[in-house]
Amino acid sequence: RSEFQRIINTQISAFHADDGAKAYSFATPRLQKKFVNPSIFMQMV
């Protein structure tokens, strides 16, 4: 439970900082494959 909340908070902080690589790193490999790279992932978000 703590880890889920830490991951969400850290990813949202990465979005606020426009740190696509960090935000993308919290996605499963399947999602990463779907969105190809951090730039495409950030655009989708």
PDB file of all heavy atoms in Angstrom:
ATOM      1  N   ARG A   1       0.829  -1.205   0.000  1.00  0.00           N
ATOM      2  CA  ARG A   1       0.000   0.000   0.000  1.00  0.00           C
ATOM      3  C   ARG A   1       0.867   1.260   0.000  1.00  0.00           C
ATOM      4  O   ARG A   1       0.623   2.187  -0.761  1.00  0.00           O
ATOM      5  CB  ARG A   1      -0.931   0.021   1.210  1.00  0.00           C
ATOM      6  CG  ARG A   1      -1.970  -1.056   1.205  1.00  0.00           C
ATOM      7  CD  ARG A   1      -2.675  -1.149   2.569  1.00  0.00           C
ATOM      8  NE  ARG A   1      -3.334  -2.425   2.718  1.00  0.00           N
ATOM      9  CZ  ARG A   1      -4.585  -2.652   2.383  1.00  0.00           C
ATOM     10  NH1 ARG A   1      -5.322  -1.691   1.898  1.00  0.00           N
ATOM     11  NH2 ARG A   1      -5.121  -3.845   2.538  1.00  0.00           N
ATOM     12  N   SER A   2       1.873   1.263   0.840  1.00  0.00           N
ATOM     13  CA  SER A   2       2.796   2.408   0.900  1.00  0.00           C
ATOM     14  C   SER A   2       3.528   2.585  -0.421  1.00  0.00           C
ATOM     15  O   SER A   2       3.737   3.706  -0.882  1.00  0.00           O
ATOM     16  CB  SER A   2       3.816   2.222   2.029  1.00  0.00           C
ATOM     17  OG  SER A   2       3.177   2.265   3.274  1.00  0.00           O
ATOM     18  N   GLU A   3       3.903   1.470  -1.023  1.00  0.00           N
ATOM     19  CA  GLU A   3       4.621   1.528  -2.297  1.00  0.00           C
ATOM     20  C   GLU A   3       3.726   2.064  -3.411  1.00  0.00           C
ATOM     21  O   GLU A   3       4.160   2.875  -4.223  1.00  0.00           O
ATOM     22  CB  GLU A   3       5.179   0.147  -2.660  1.00  0.00           C
ATOM     23  CG  GLU A   3       6.015   0.134  -3.913  1.00  0.00           C
ATOM     24  CD  GLU A   3       7.309   0.946  -3.841  1.00  0.00           C
ATOM     25  OE1 GLU A   3       7.612   1.555  -2.797  1.00  0.00           O
ATOM     26  OE2 GLU A   3       8.029   0.982  -4.857  1.00  0.00           O
ATOM     27  N   PHE A   4       2.468   1.638  -3.455  1.00  0.00           N
ATOM     28  CA  PHE A   4       1.537   2.157  -4.468  1.00  0.00           C
ATOM     29  C   PHE A   4       1.444   3.681  -4.352  1.00  0.00           C
ATOM     30  O   PHE A   4       1.531   4.405  -5.348  1.00  0.00           O
ATOM     31  CB  PHE A   4       0.137   1.567  -4.310  1.00  0.00           C
ATOM     32  CG  PHE A   4       0.048   0.067  -4.479  1.00  0.00           C
ATOM     33  CD1 PHE A   4      -1.027  -0.614  -3.940  1.00  0.00           C
ATOM     34  CD2 PHE A   4       1.012  -0.661  -5.166  1.00  0.00           C
ATOM     35  CE1 PHE A   4      -1.137  -1.997  -4.087  1.00  0.00           C
ATOM     36  CE2 PHE A   4       0.914  -2.035  -5.320  1.00  0.00           C
ATOM     37  CZ  PHE A   4      -0.170  -2.711  -4.767  1.00  0.00           C
ATOM     38  N   GLN A   5       1.293   4.164  -3.133  1.00  0.00           N
ATOM     39  CA  GLN A   5       1.145   5.602  -2.912  1.00  0.00           C
ATOM     40  C   GLN A   5       2.433   6.352  -3.221  1.00  0.00           C
ATOM     41  O   GLN A   5       2.410   7.427  -3.816  1.00  0.00           O
ATOM     42  CB  GLN A   5       0.656   5.860  -1.493  1.00  0.00           C
ATOM     43  CG  GLN A   5      -0.757   5.329  -1.292  1.00  0.00           C
ATOM     44  CD  GLN A   5      -1.262   5.417   0.131  1.00  0.00           C
ATOM     45  OE1 GLN A   5      -0.671   6.077   0.974  1.00  0.00           O
ATOM     46  NE2 GLN A   5      -2.379   4.749   0.399  1.00  0.00           N
ATOM     47  N   ARG A   6       3.573   5.762  -2.865  1.00  0.00           N
ATOM     48  CA  ARG A   6       4.862   6.386  -3.173  1.00  0.00           C
ATOM     49  C   ARG A   6       5.035   6.506  -4.686  1.00  0.00           C
ATOM     50  O   ARG A   6       5.447   7.558  -5.204  1.00  0.00           O
ATOM     51  CB  ARG A   6       6.023   5.577  -2.576  1.00  0.00           C
ATOM     52  CG  ARG A   6       7.394   6.245  -2.809  1.00  0.00           C
ATOM     53  CD  ARG A   6       8.537   5.283  -2.556  1.00  0.00           C
ATOM     54  NE  ARG A   6       8.622   4.236  -3.553  1.00  0.00           N
ATOM     55  CZ  ARG A   6       9.119   4.383  -4.784  1.00  0.00           C
ATOM     56  NH1 ARG A   6       9.574   5.556  -5.198  1.00  0.00           N
ATOM     57  NH2 ARG A   6       9.174   3.358  -5.622  1.00  0.00           N
ATOM     58  N   ILE A   7       4.713   5.438  -5.413  1.00  0.00           N
ATOM     59  CA  ILE A   7       4.868   5.440  -6.867  1.00  0.00           C
ATOM     60  C   ILE A   7       3.980   6.513  -7.495  1.00  0.00           C
ATOM     61  O   ILE A   7       4.434   7.290  -8.342  1.00  0.00           O
ATOM     62  CB  ILE A   7       4.552   4.042  -7.453  1.00  0.00           C
ATOM     63  CG1 ILE A   7       5.661   3.050  -7.079  1.00  0.00           C
ATOM     64  CG2 ILE A   7       4.361   4.106  -8.966  1.00  0.00           C
ATOM     65  CD1 ILE A   7       5.325   1.592  -7.357  1.00  0.00           C
ATOM     66  N   ILE A   8       2.727   6.569  -7.086  1.00  0.00           N
ATOM     67  CA  ILE A   8       1.802   7.564  -7.652  1.00  0.00           C
ATOM     68  C   ILE A   8       2.296   8.973  -7.344  1.00  0.00           C
ATOM     69  O   ILE A   8       2.357   9.829  -8.243  1.00  0.00           O
ATOM     70  CB  ILE A   8       0.370   7.346  -7.126  1.00  0.00           C
ATOM     71  CG1 ILE A   8      -0.192   6.022  -7.668  1.00  0.00           C
ATOM     72  CG2 ILE A   8      -0.540   8.524  -7.518  1.00  0.00           C
ATOM     73  CD1 ILE A   8      -1.459   5.550  -6.975  1.00  0.00           C
ATOM     74  N   ASN A   9       2.663   9.233  -6.097  1.00  0.00           N
ATOM     75  CA  ASN A   9       3.160  10.572  -5.734  1.00  0.00           C
ATOM     76  C   ASN A   9       4.417  10.935  -6.513  1.00  0.00           C
ATOM     77  O   ASN A   9       4.548  12.065  -7.003  1.00  0.00           O
ATOM     78  CB  ASN A   9       3.445  10.659  -4.228  1.00  0.00           C
ATOM     79  CG  ASN A   9       2.204  10.942  -3.413  1.00  0.00           C
ATOM     80  OD1 ASN A   9       1.303  11.649  -3.852  1.00  0.00           O
ATOM     81  ND2 ASN A   9       2.155  10.393  -2.220  1.00  0.00           N
ATOM     82  N   THR A  10       5.331   9.985  -6.659  1.00  0.00           N
ATOM     83  CA  THR A  10       6.579  10.257  -7.367  1.00  0.00           C
ATOM     84  C   THR A  10       6.321  10.483  -8.851  1.00  0.00           C
ATOM     85  O   THR A  10       6.919  11.376  -9.470  1.00  0.00           O
ATOM     86  CB  THR A  10       7.589   9.115  -7.147  1.00  0.00           C
ATOM     87  OG1 THR A  10       7.763   8.918  -5.737  1.00  0.00           O
ATOM     88  CG2 THR A  10       8.935   9.451  -7.769  1.00  0.00           C
ATOM     89  N   GLN A  11       5.413   9.694  -9.436  1.00  0.00           N
ATOM     90  CA  GLN A  11       5.101   9.899 -10.848  1.00  0.00           C
ATOM     91  C   GLN A  11       4.431  11.259 -11.060  1.00  0.00           C
ATOM     92  O   GLN A  11       4.771  11.980 -12.007  1.00  0.00           O
ATOM     93  CB  GLN A  11       4.212   8.784 -11.386  1.00  0.00           C
ATOM     94  CG  GLN A  11       4.034   8.898 -12.902  1.00  0.00           C
ATOM     95  CD  GLN A  11       3.114   7.858 -13.477  1.00  0.00           C
ATOM     96  OE1 GLN A  11       1.965   7.747 -13.046  1.00  0.00           O
ATOM     97  NE2 GLN A  11       3.619   7.085 -14.436  1.00  0.00           N
ATOM     98  N   ILE A  12       3.514  11.639 -10.200  1.00  0.00           N
ATOM     99  CA  ILE A  12       2.854  12.945 -10.338  1.00  0.00           C
ATOM    100  C   ILE A  12       3.868  14.071 -10.172  1.00  0.00           C
ATOM    101  O   ILE A  12       3.826  15.067 -10.900  1.00  0.00           O
ATOM    102  CB  ILE A  12       1.647  13.059  -9.391  1.00  0.00           C
ATOM    103  CG1 ILE A  12       0.518  12.158  -9.933  1.00  0.00           C
ATOM    104  CG2 ILE A  12       1.177  14.508  -9.251  1.00  0.00           C
ATOM    105  CD1 ILE A  12      -0.707  12.056  -9.062  1.00  0.00           C
ATOM    106  N   SER A  13       4.815  13.921  -9.265  1.00  0.00           N
ATOM    107  CA  SER A  13       5.892  14.916  -9.119  1.00  0.00           C
ATOM    108  C   SER A  13       6.716  14.996 -10.401  1.00  0.00           C
ATOM    109  O   SER A  13       7.115  16.090 -10.819  1.00  0.00           O
ATOM    110  CB  SER A  13       6.804  14.564  -7.940  1.00  0.00           C
ATOM    111  OG  SER A  13       6.105  14.713  -6.721  1.00  0.00           O
ATOM    112  N   ALA A  14       6.962  13.847 -11.031  1.00  0.00           N
ATOM    113  CA  ALA A  14       7.709  13.834 -12.299  1.00  0.00           C
ATOM    114  C   ALA A  14       6.916  14.549 -13.393  1.00  0.00           C
ATOM    115  O   ALA A  14       7.495  15.292 -14.196  1.00  0.00           O
ATOM    116  CB  ALA A  14       8.030  12.398 -12.714  1.00  0.00           C
ATOM    117  N   PHE A  15       5.598  14.371 -13.421  1.00  0.00           N
ATOM    118  CA  PHE A  15       4.768  15.104 -14.384  1.00  0.00           C
ATOM    119  C   PHE A  15       4.891  16.609 -14.159  1.00  0.00           C
ATOM    120  O   PHE A  15       5.067  17.371 -15.104  1.00  0.00           O
ATOM    121  CB  PHE A  15       3.298  14.691 -14.291  1.00  0.00           C
ATOM    122  CG  PHE A  15       3.001  13.299 -14.782  1.00  0.00           C
ATOM    123  CD1 PHE A  15       2.098  12.493 -14.105  1.00  0.00           C
ATOM    124  CD2 PHE A  15       3.595  12.790 -15.928  1.00  0.00           C
ATOM    125  CE1 PHE A  15       1.802  11.217 -14.557  1.00  0.00           C
ATOM    126  CE2 PHE A  15       3.310  11.510 -16.393  1.00  0.00           C
ATOM    127  CZ  PHE A  15       2.403  10.723 -15.696  1.00  0.00           C
ATOM    128  N   HIS A  16       4.835  17.017 -12.895  1.00  0.00           N
ATOM    129  CA  HIS A  16       4.940  18.447 -12.578  1.00  0.00           C
ATOM    130  C   HIS A  16       6.281  19.024 -13.022  1.00  0.00           C
ATOM    131  O   HIS A  16       6.357  20.190 -13.417  1.00  0.00           O
ATOM    132  CB  HIS A  16       4.731  18.687 -11.073  1.00  0.00           C
ATOM    133  CG  HIS A  16       3.299  18.704 -10.671  1.00  0.00           C
ATOM    134  ND1 HIS A  16       2.623  19.850 -10.339  1.00  0.00           N
ATOM    135  CD2 HIS A  16       2.393  17.702 -10.554  1.00  0.00           C
ATOM    136  CE1 HIS A  16       1.373  19.559 -10.041  1.00  0.00           C
ATOM    137  NE2 HIS A  16       1.208  18.256 -10.167  1.00  0.00           N
ATOM    138  N   ALA A  17       7.319  18.207 -12.954  1.00  0.00           N
ATOM    139  CA  ALA A  17       8.660  18.644 -13.350  1.00  0.00           C
ATOM    140  C   ALA A  17       8.920  18.418 -14.842  1.00  0.00           C
ATOM    141  O   ALA A  17      10.034  18.679 -15.313  1.00  0.00           O
ATOM    142  CB  ALA A  17       9.706  17.893 -12.523  1.00  0.00           C
ATOM    143  N   ASP A  18       7.934  17.921 -15.555  1.00  0.00           N
ATOM    144  CA  ASP A  18       8.086  17.551 -16.966  1.00  0.00           C
ATOM    145  C   ASP A  18       9.263  16.600 -17.172  1.00  0.00           C
ATOM    146  O   ASP A  18       9.981  16.680 -18.175  1.00  0.00           O
ATOM    147  CB  ASP A  18       8.209  18.795 -17.855  1.00  0.00           C
ATOM    148  CG  ASP A  18       6.871  19.494 -18.017  1.00  0.00           C
ATOM    149  OD1 ASP A  18       5.852  18.790 -18.200  1.00  0.00           O
ATOM    150  OD2 ASP A  18       6.835  20.738 -17.948  1.00  0.00           O
ATOM    151  N   ASP A  19       9.433  15.684 -16.221  1.00  0.00           N
ATOM    152  CA  ASP A  19      10.485  14.666 -16.292  1.00  0.00           C
ATOM    153  C   ASP A  19       9.878  13.387 -16.867  1.00  0.00           C
ATOM    154  O   ASP A  19       9.468  12.479 -16.136  1.00  0.00           O
ATOM    155  CB  ASP A  19      11.069  14.423 -14.900  1.00  0.00           C
ATOM    156  CG  ASP A  19      12.259  13.483 -14.899  1.00  0.00           C
ATOM    157  OD1 ASP A  19      12.487  12.766 -15.908  1.00  0.00           O
ATOM    158  OD2 ASP A  19      12.967  13.440 -13.866  1.00  0.00           O
ATOM    159  N   GLY A  20       9.799  13.346 -18.192  1.00  0.00           N
ATOM    160  CA  GLY A  20       9.176  12.226 -18.878  1.00  0.00           C
ATOM    161  C   GLY A  20       9.837  10.895 -18.602  1.00  0.00           C
ATOM    162  O   GLY A  20       9.146   9.888 -18.438  1.00  0.00           O
ATOM    163  N   ALA A  21      11.153  10.877 -18.543  1.00  0.00           N
ATOM    164  CA  ALA A  21      11.858   9.615 -18.321  1.00  0.00           C
ATOM    165  C   ALA A  21      11.493   9.017 -16.968  1.00  0.00           C
ATOM    166  O   ALA A  21      11.242   7.812 -16.860  1.00  0.00           O
ATOM    167  CB  ALA A  21      13.365   9.828 -18.428  1.00  0.00           C
ATOM    168  N   LYS A  22      11.445   9.858 -15.946  1.00  0.00           N
ATOM    169  CA  LYS A  22      11.107   9.353 -14.612  1.00  0.00           C
ATOM    170  C   LYS A  22       9.646   8.904 -14.571  1.00  0.00           C
ATOM    171  O   LYS A  22       9.344   7.832 -14.054  1.00  0.00           O
ATOM    172  CB  LYS A  22      11.371  10.413 -13.551  1.00  0.00           C
ATOM    173  CG  LYS A  22      11.199   9.896 -12.147  1.00  0.00           C
ATOM    174  CD  LYS A  22      11.735  10.871 -11.131  1.00  0.00           C
ATOM    175  CE  LYS A  22      11.799  10.212  -9.776  1.00  0.00           C
ATOM    176  NZ  LYS A  22      12.493  11.044  -8.820  1.00  0.00           N
ATOM    177  N   ALA A  23       8.726   9.712 -15.101  1.00  0.00           N
ATOM    178  CA  ALA A  23       7.306   9.348 -15.095  1.00  0.00           C
ATOM    179  C   ALA A  23       7.093   8.027 -15.846  1.00  0.00           C
ATOM    180  O   ALA A  23       6.355   7.150 -15.387  1.00  0.00           O
ATOM    181  CB  ALA A  23       6.473  10.462 -15.708  1.00  0.00           C
ATOM    182  N   TYR A  24       7.742   7.888 -16.981  1.00  0.00           N
ATOM    183  CA  TYR A  24       7.644   6.697 -17.833  1.00  0.00           C
ATOM    184  C   TYR A  24       8.182   5.458 -17.121  1.00  0.00           C
ATOM    185  O   TYR A  24       7.690   4.352 -17.325  1.00  0.00           O
ATOM    186  CB  TYR A  24       8.431   6.997 -19.100  1.00  0.00           C
ATOM    187  CG  TYR A  24       8.429   6.004 -20.230  1.00  0.00           C
ATOM    188  CD1 TYR A  24       7.299   5.827 -21.022  1.00  0.00           C
ATOM    189  CD2 TYR A  24       9.584   5.301 -20.569  1.00  0.00           C
ATOM    190  CE1 TYR A  24       7.315   4.964 -22.113  1.00  0.00           C
ATOM    191  CE2 TYR A  24       9.616   4.439 -21.653  1.00  0.00           C
ATOM    192  CZ  TYR A  24       8.475   4.274 -22.421  1.00  0.00           C
ATOM    193  OH  TYR A  24       8.496   3.430 -23.505  1.00  0.00           O
ATOM    194  N   SER A  25       9.159   5.630 -16.257  1.00  0.00           N
ATOM    195  CA  SER A  25       9.800   4.503 -15.579  1.00  0.00           C
ATOM    196  C   SER A  25       8.858   3.757 -14.642  1.00  0.00           C
ATOM    197  O   SER A  25       9.135   2.613 -14.282  1.00  0.00           O
ATOM    198  CB  SER A  25      11.036   4.973 -14.803  1.00  0.00           C
ATOM    199  OG  SER A  25      10.662   5.666 -13.620  1.00  0.00           O
ATOM    200  N   PHE A  26       7.752   4.369 -14.253  1.00  0.00           N
ATOM    201  CA  PHE A  26       6.804   3.718 -13.349  1.00  0.00           C
ATOM    202  C   PHE A  26       5.761   2.879 -14.091  1.00  0.00           C
ATOM    203  O   PHE A  26       4.967   2.184 -13.463  1.00  0.00           O
ATOM    204  CB  PHE A  26       6.107   4.757 -12.463  1.00  0.00           C
ATOM    205  CG  PHE A  26       7.069   5.417 -11.515  1.00  0.00           C
ATOM    206  CD1 PHE A  26       7.466   6.720 -11.726  1.00  0.00           C
ATOM    207  CD2 PHE A  26       7.591   4.733 -10.434  1.00  0.00           C
ATOM    208  CE1 PHE A  26       8.358   7.333 -10.870  1.00  0.00           C
ATOM    209  CE2 PHE A  26       8.491   5.331  -9.569  1.00  0.00           C
ATOM    210  CZ  PHE A  26       8.879   6.639  -9.785  1.00  0.00           C
ATOM    211  N   ALA A  27       5.736   2.946 -15.404  1.00  0.00           N
ATOM    212  CA  ALA A  27       4.797   2.161 -16.212  1.00  0.00           C
ATOM    213  C   ALA A  27       5.346   0.756 -16.431  1.00  0.00           C
ATOM    214  O   ALA A  27       6.558   0.547 -16.502  1.00  0.00           O
ATOM    215  CB  ALA A  27       4.567   2.853 -17.559  1.00  0.00           C
ATOM    216  N   THR A  28       4.446  -0.194 -16.556  1.00  0.00           N
ATOM    217  CA  THR A  28       4.861  -1.570 -16.847  1.00  0.00           C
ATOM    218  C   THR A  28       5.541  -1.622 -18.222  1.00  0.00           C
ATOM    219  O   THR A  28       5.312  -0.760 -19.073  1.00  0.00           O
ATOM    220  CB  THR A  28       3.646  -2.523 -16.875  1.00  0.00           C
ATOM    221  OG1 THR A  28       2.733  -2.076 -17.869  1.00  0.00           O
ATOM    222  CG2 THR A  28       2.980  -2.638 -15.526  1.00  0.00           C
ATOM    223  N   PRO A  29       6.350  -2.644 -18.453  1.00  0.00           N
ATOM    224  CA  PRO A  29       6.961  -2.798 -19.781  1.00  0.00           C
ATOM    225  C   PRO A  29       5.917  -2.824 -20.902  1.00  0.00           C
ATOM    226  O   PRO A  29       6.163  -2.288 -21.982  1.00  0.00           O
ATOM    227  CB  PRO A  29       7.704  -4.129 -19.670  1.00  0.00           C
ATOM    228  CG  PRO A  29       8.043  -4.243 -18.215  1.00  0.00           C
ATOM    229  CD  PRO A  29       6.859  -3.642 -17.492  1.00  0.00           C
ATOM    230  N   ARG A  30       4.756  -3.404 -20.658  1.00  0.00           N
ATOM    231  CA  ARG A  30       3.695  -3.448 -21.680  1.00  0.00           C
ATOM    232  C   ARG A  30       3.235  -2.037 -22.047  1.00  0.00           C
ATOM    233  O   ARG A  30       3.079  -1.711 -23.220  1.00  0.00           O
ATOM    234  CB  ARG A  30       2.529  -4.277 -21.161  1.00  0.00           C
ATOM    235  CG  ARG A  30       1.421  -4.433 -22.168  1.00  0.00           C
ATOM    236  CD  ARG A  30       0.380  -5.448 -21.674  1.00  0.00           C
ATOM    237  NE  ARG A  30      -0.840  -5.253 -22.445  1.00  0.00           N
ATOM    238  CZ  ARG A  30      -1.986  -4.869 -21.930  1.00  0.00           C
ATOM    239  NH1 ARG A  30      -2.103  -4.652 -20.643  1.00  0.00           N
ATOM    240  NH2 ARG A  30      -3.035  -4.724 -22.699  1.00  0.00           N
ATOM    241  N   LEU A  31       3.022  -1.177 -21.037  1.00  0.00           N
ATOM    242  CA  LEU A  31       2.633   0.205 -21.323  1.00  0.00           C
ATOM    243  C   LEU A  31       3.769   0.964 -21.999  1.00  0.00           C
ATOM    244  O   LEU A  31       3.537   1.761 -22.905  1.00  0.00           O
ATOM    245  CB  LEU A  31       2.208   0.935 -20.049  1.00  0.00           C
ATOM    246  CG  LEU A  31       0.811   0.658 -19.525  1.00  0.00           C
ATOM    247  CD1 LEU A  31       0.544   1.459 -18.258  1.00  0.00           C
ATOM    248  CD2 LEU A  31      -0.237   0.957 -20.568  1.00  0.00           C
ATOM    249  N   GLN A  32       4.989   0.716 -21.551  1.00  0.00           N
ATOM    250  CA  GLN A  32       6.131   1.388 -22.184  1.00  0.00           C
ATOM    251  C   GLN A  32       6.218   1.018 -23.661  1.00  0.00           C
ATOM    252  O   GLN A  32       6.476   1.883 -24.504  1.00  0.00           O
ATOM    253  CB  GLN A  32       7.421   1.033 -21.452  1.00  0.00           C
ATOM    254  CG  GLN A  32       7.511   1.692 -20.094  1.00  0.00           C
ATOM    255  CD  GLN A  32       8.770   1.302 -19.345  1.00  0.00           C
ATOM    256  OE1 GLN A  32       9.504   0.393 -19.731  1.00  0.00           O
ATOM    257  NE2 GLN A  32       9.030   1.995 -18.248  1.00  0.00           N
ATOM    258  N   LYS A  33       5.980  -0.241 -23.950  1.00  0.00           N
ATOM    259  CA  LYS A  33       6.010  -0.685 -25.357  1.00  0.00           C
ATOM    260  C   LYS A  33       4.898  -0.006 -26.155  1.00  0.00           C
ATOM    261  O   LYS A  33       5.102   0.424 -27.287  1.00  0.00           O
ATOM    262  CB  LYS A  33       5.877  -2.201 -25.423  1.00  0.00           C
ATOM    263  CG  LYS A  33       6.022  -2.769 -26.804  1.00  0.00           C
ATOM    264  CD  LYS A  33       5.961  -4.297 -26.771  1.00  0.00           C
ATOM    265  CE  LYS A  33       6.104  -4.855 -28.171  1.00  0.00           C
ATOM    266  NZ  LYS A  33       6.052  -6.311 -28.178  1.00  0.00           N
ATOM    267  N   LYS A  34       3.724   0.114 -25.535  1.00  0.00           N
ATOM    268  CA  LYS A  34       2.587   0.740 -26.209  1.00  0.00           C
ATOM    269  C   LYS A  34       2.860   2.211 -26.539  1.00  0.00           C
ATOM    270  O   LYS A  34       2.494   2.689 -27.603  1.00  0.00           O
ATOM    271  CB  LYS A  34       1.343   0.623 -25.328  1.00  0.00           C
ATOM    272  CG  LYS A  34       0.102   1.249 -25.923  1.00  0.00           C
ATOM    273  CD  LYS A  34      -1.101   1.053 -25.023  1.00  0.00           C
ATOM    274  CE  LYS A  34      -2.327   1.705 -25.632  1.00  0.00           C
ATOM    275  NZ  LYS A  34      -3.512   1.512 -24.808  1.00  0.00           N
ATOM    276  N   PHE A  35       3.523   2.925 -25.620  1.00  0.00           N
ATOM    277  CA  PHE A  35       3.759   4.353 -25.830  1.00  0.00           C
ATOM    278  C   PHE A  35       5.173   4.665 -26.316  1.00  0.00           C
ATOM    279  O   PHE A  35       5.544   5.829 -26.439  1.00  0.00           O
ATOM    280  CB  PHE A  35       3.396   5.146 -24.566  1.00  0.00           C
ATOM    281  CG  PHE A  35       1.927   5.094 -24.304  1.00  0.00           C
ATOM    282  CD1 PHE A  35       1.410   4.302 -23.300  1.00  0.00           C
ATOM    283  CD2 PHE A  35       1.045   5.793 -25.114  1.00  0.00           C
ATOM    284  CE1 PHE A  35       0.036   4.228 -23.083  1.00  0.00           C
ATOM    285  CE2 PHE A  35      -0.324   5.717 -24.909  1.00  0.00           C
ATOM    286  CZ  PHE A  35      -0.823   4.932 -23.889  1.00  0.00           C
ATOM    287  N   VAL A  36       5.961   3.657 -26.608  1.00  0.00           N
ATOM    288  CA  VAL A  36       7.244   3.698 -27.308  1.00  0.00           C
ATOM    289  C   VAL A  36       8.369   4.425 -26.573  1.00  0.00           C
ATOM    290  O   VAL A  36       9.442   3.889 -26.427  1.00  0.00           O
ATOM    291  CB  VAL A  36       7.085   4.272 -28.743  1.00  0.00           C
ATOM    292  CG1 VAL A  36       8.393   4.216 -29.500  1.00  0.00           C
ATOM    293  CG2 VAL A  36       5.990   3.553 -29.501  1.00  0.00           C
ATOM    294  N   ASN A  37       8.142   5.661 -26.130  1.00  0.00           N
ATOM    295  CA  ASN A  37       9.211   6.411 -25.455  1.00  0.00           C
ATOM    296  C   ASN A  37       8.606   7.452 -24.512  1.00  0.00           C
ATOM    297  O   ASN A  37       7.403   7.727 -24.565  1.00  0.00           O
ATOM    298  CB  ASN A  37      10.155   7.053 -26.481  1.00  0.00           C
ATOM    299  CG  ASN A  37       9.467   8.075 -27.345  1.00  0.00           C
ATOM    300  OD1 ASN A  37       8.778   8.979 -26.858  1.00  0.00           O
ATOM    301  ND2 ASN A  37       9.641   7.964 -28.662  1.00  0.00           N
ATOM    302  N   PRO A  38       9.434   8.042 -23.639  1.00  0.00           N
ATOM    303  CA  PRO A  38       8.916   9.014 -22.673  1.00  0.00           C
ATOM    304  C   PRO A  38       8.204  10.216 -23.298  1.00  0.00           C
ATOM    305  O   PRO A  38       7.222  10.709 -22.738  1.00  0.00           O
ATOM    306  CB  PRO A  38      10.160   9.458 -21.897  1.00  0.00           C
ATOM    307  CG  PRO A  38      11.081   8.294 -21.980  1.00  0.00           C
ATOM    308  CD  PRO A  38      10.850   7.730 -23.364  1.00  0.00           C
ATOM    309  N   SER A  39       8.655  10.676 -24.441  1.00  0.00           N
ATOM    310  CA  SER A  39       8.014  11.836 -25.083  1.00  0.00           C
ATOM    311  C   SER A  39       6.582  11.532 -25.504  1.00  0.00           C
ATOM    312  O   SER A  39       5.668  12.337 -25.269  1.00  0.00           O
ATOM    313  CB  SER A  39       8.811  12.299 -26.299  1.00  0.00           C
ATOM    314  OG  SER A  39      10.070  12.750 -25.906  1.00  0.00           O
ATOM    315  N   ILE A  40       6.382  10.379 -26.115  1.00  0.00           N
ATOM    316  CA  ILE A  40       5.033   9.991 -26.542  1.00  0.00           C
ATOM    317  C   ILE A  40       4.148   9.751 -25.317  1.00  0.00           C
ATOM    318  O   ILE A  40       2.989  10.153 -25.274  1.00  0.00           O
ATOM    319  CB  ILE A  40       5.085   8.756 -27.465  1.00  0.00           C
ATOM    320  CG1 ILE A  40       5.762   9.139 -28.784  1.00  0.00           C
ATOM    321  CG2 ILE A  40       3.689   8.182 -27.703  1.00  0.00           C
ATOM    322  CD1 ILE A  40       6.067   7.971 -29.693  1.00  0.00           C
ATOM    323  N   PHE A  41       4.718   9.126 -24.295  1.00  0.00           N
ATOM    324  CA  PHE A  41       3.988   8.885 -23.049  1.00  0.00           C
ATOM    325  C   PHE A  41       3.545  10.209 -22.430  1.00  0.00           C
ATOM    326  O   PHE A  41       2.378  10.373 -22.058  1.00  0.00           O
ATOM    327  CB  PHE A  41       4.885   8.100 -22.084  1.00  0.00           C
ATOM    328  CG  PHE A  41       4.279   7.840 -20.735  1.00  0.00           C
ATOM    329  CD1 PHE A  41       3.259   6.903 -20.582  1.00  0.00           C
ATOM    330  CD2 PHE A  41       4.730   8.513 -19.614  1.00  0.00           C
ATOM    331  CE1 PHE A  41       2.710   6.654 -19.335  1.00  0.00           C
ATOM    332  CE2 PHE A  41       4.185   8.269 -18.368  1.00  0.00           C
ATOM    333  CZ  PHE A  41       3.172   7.329 -18.224  1.00  0.00           C
ATOM    334  N   MET A  42       4.452  11.169 -22.340  1.00  0.00           N
ATOM    335  CA  MET A  42       4.120  12.475 -21.755  1.00  0.00           C
ATOM    336  C   MET A  42       3.052  13.190 -22.573  1.00  0.00           C
ATOM    337  O   MET A  42       2.154  13.823 -22.006  1.00  0.00           O
ATOM    338  CB  MET A  42       5.363  13.347 -21.612  1.00  0.00           C
ATOM    339  CG  MET A  42       6.301  12.897 -20.515  1.00  0.00           C
ATOM    340  SD  MET A  42       5.614  13.057 -18.863  1.00  0.00           S
ATOM    341  CE  MET A  42       5.842  14.806 -18.594  1.00  0.00           C
ATOM    342  N   GLN A  43       3.123  13.116 -23.885  1.00  0.00           N
ATOM    343  CA  GLN A  43       2.108  13.747 -24.732  1.00  0.00           C
ATOM    344  C   GLN A  43       0.732  13.142 -24.462  1.00  0.00           C
ATOM    345  O   GLN A  43      -0.271  13.853 -24.370  1.00  0.00           O
ATOM    346  CB  GLN A  43       2.481  13.620 -26.206  1.00  0.00           C
ATOM    347  CG  GLN A  43       1.480  14.259 -27.149  1.00  0.00           C
ATOM    348  CD  GLN A  43       1.326  15.767 -26.920  1.00  0.00           C
ATOM    349  OE1 GLN A  43       2.257  16.453 -26.505  1.00  0.00           O
ATOM    350  NE2 GLN A  43       0.139  16.279 -27.184  1.00  0.00           N
ATOM    351  N   MET A  44       0.677  11.812 -24.321  1.00  0.00           N
ATOM    352  CA  MET A  44      -0.579  11.138 -24.025  1.00  0.00           C
ATOM    353  C   MET A  44      -1.135  11.601 -22.681  1.00  0.00           C
ATOM    354  O   MET A  44      -2.324  11.902 -22.553  1.00  0.00           O
ATOM    355  CB  MET A  44      -0.352   9.617 -24.021  1.00  0.00           C
ATOM    356  CG  MET A  44      -1.575   8.786 -23.655  1.00  0.00           C
ATOM    357  SD  MET A  44      -1.877   8.527 -21.871  1.00  0.00           S
ATOM    358  CE  MET A  44      -0.411   7.681 -21.322  1.00  0.00           C
ATOM    359  N   VAL A  45      -0.294  11.713 -21.676  1.00  0.00           N
ATOM    360  CA  VAL A  45      -0.753  12.133 -20.351  1.00  0.00           C
ATOM    361  C   VAL A  45      -1.199  13.593 -20.385  1.00  0.00           C
ATOM    362  O   VAL A  45      -2.254  13.943 -19.843  1.00  0.00           O
ATOM    363  CB  VAL A  45       0.339  11.899 -19.277  1.00  0.00           C
ATOM    364  CG1 VAL A  45      -0.080  12.476 -17.935  1.00  0.00           C
ATOM    365  CG2 VAL A  45       0.645  10.410 -19.144  1.00  0.00           C
TER     366      VAL A  45
END
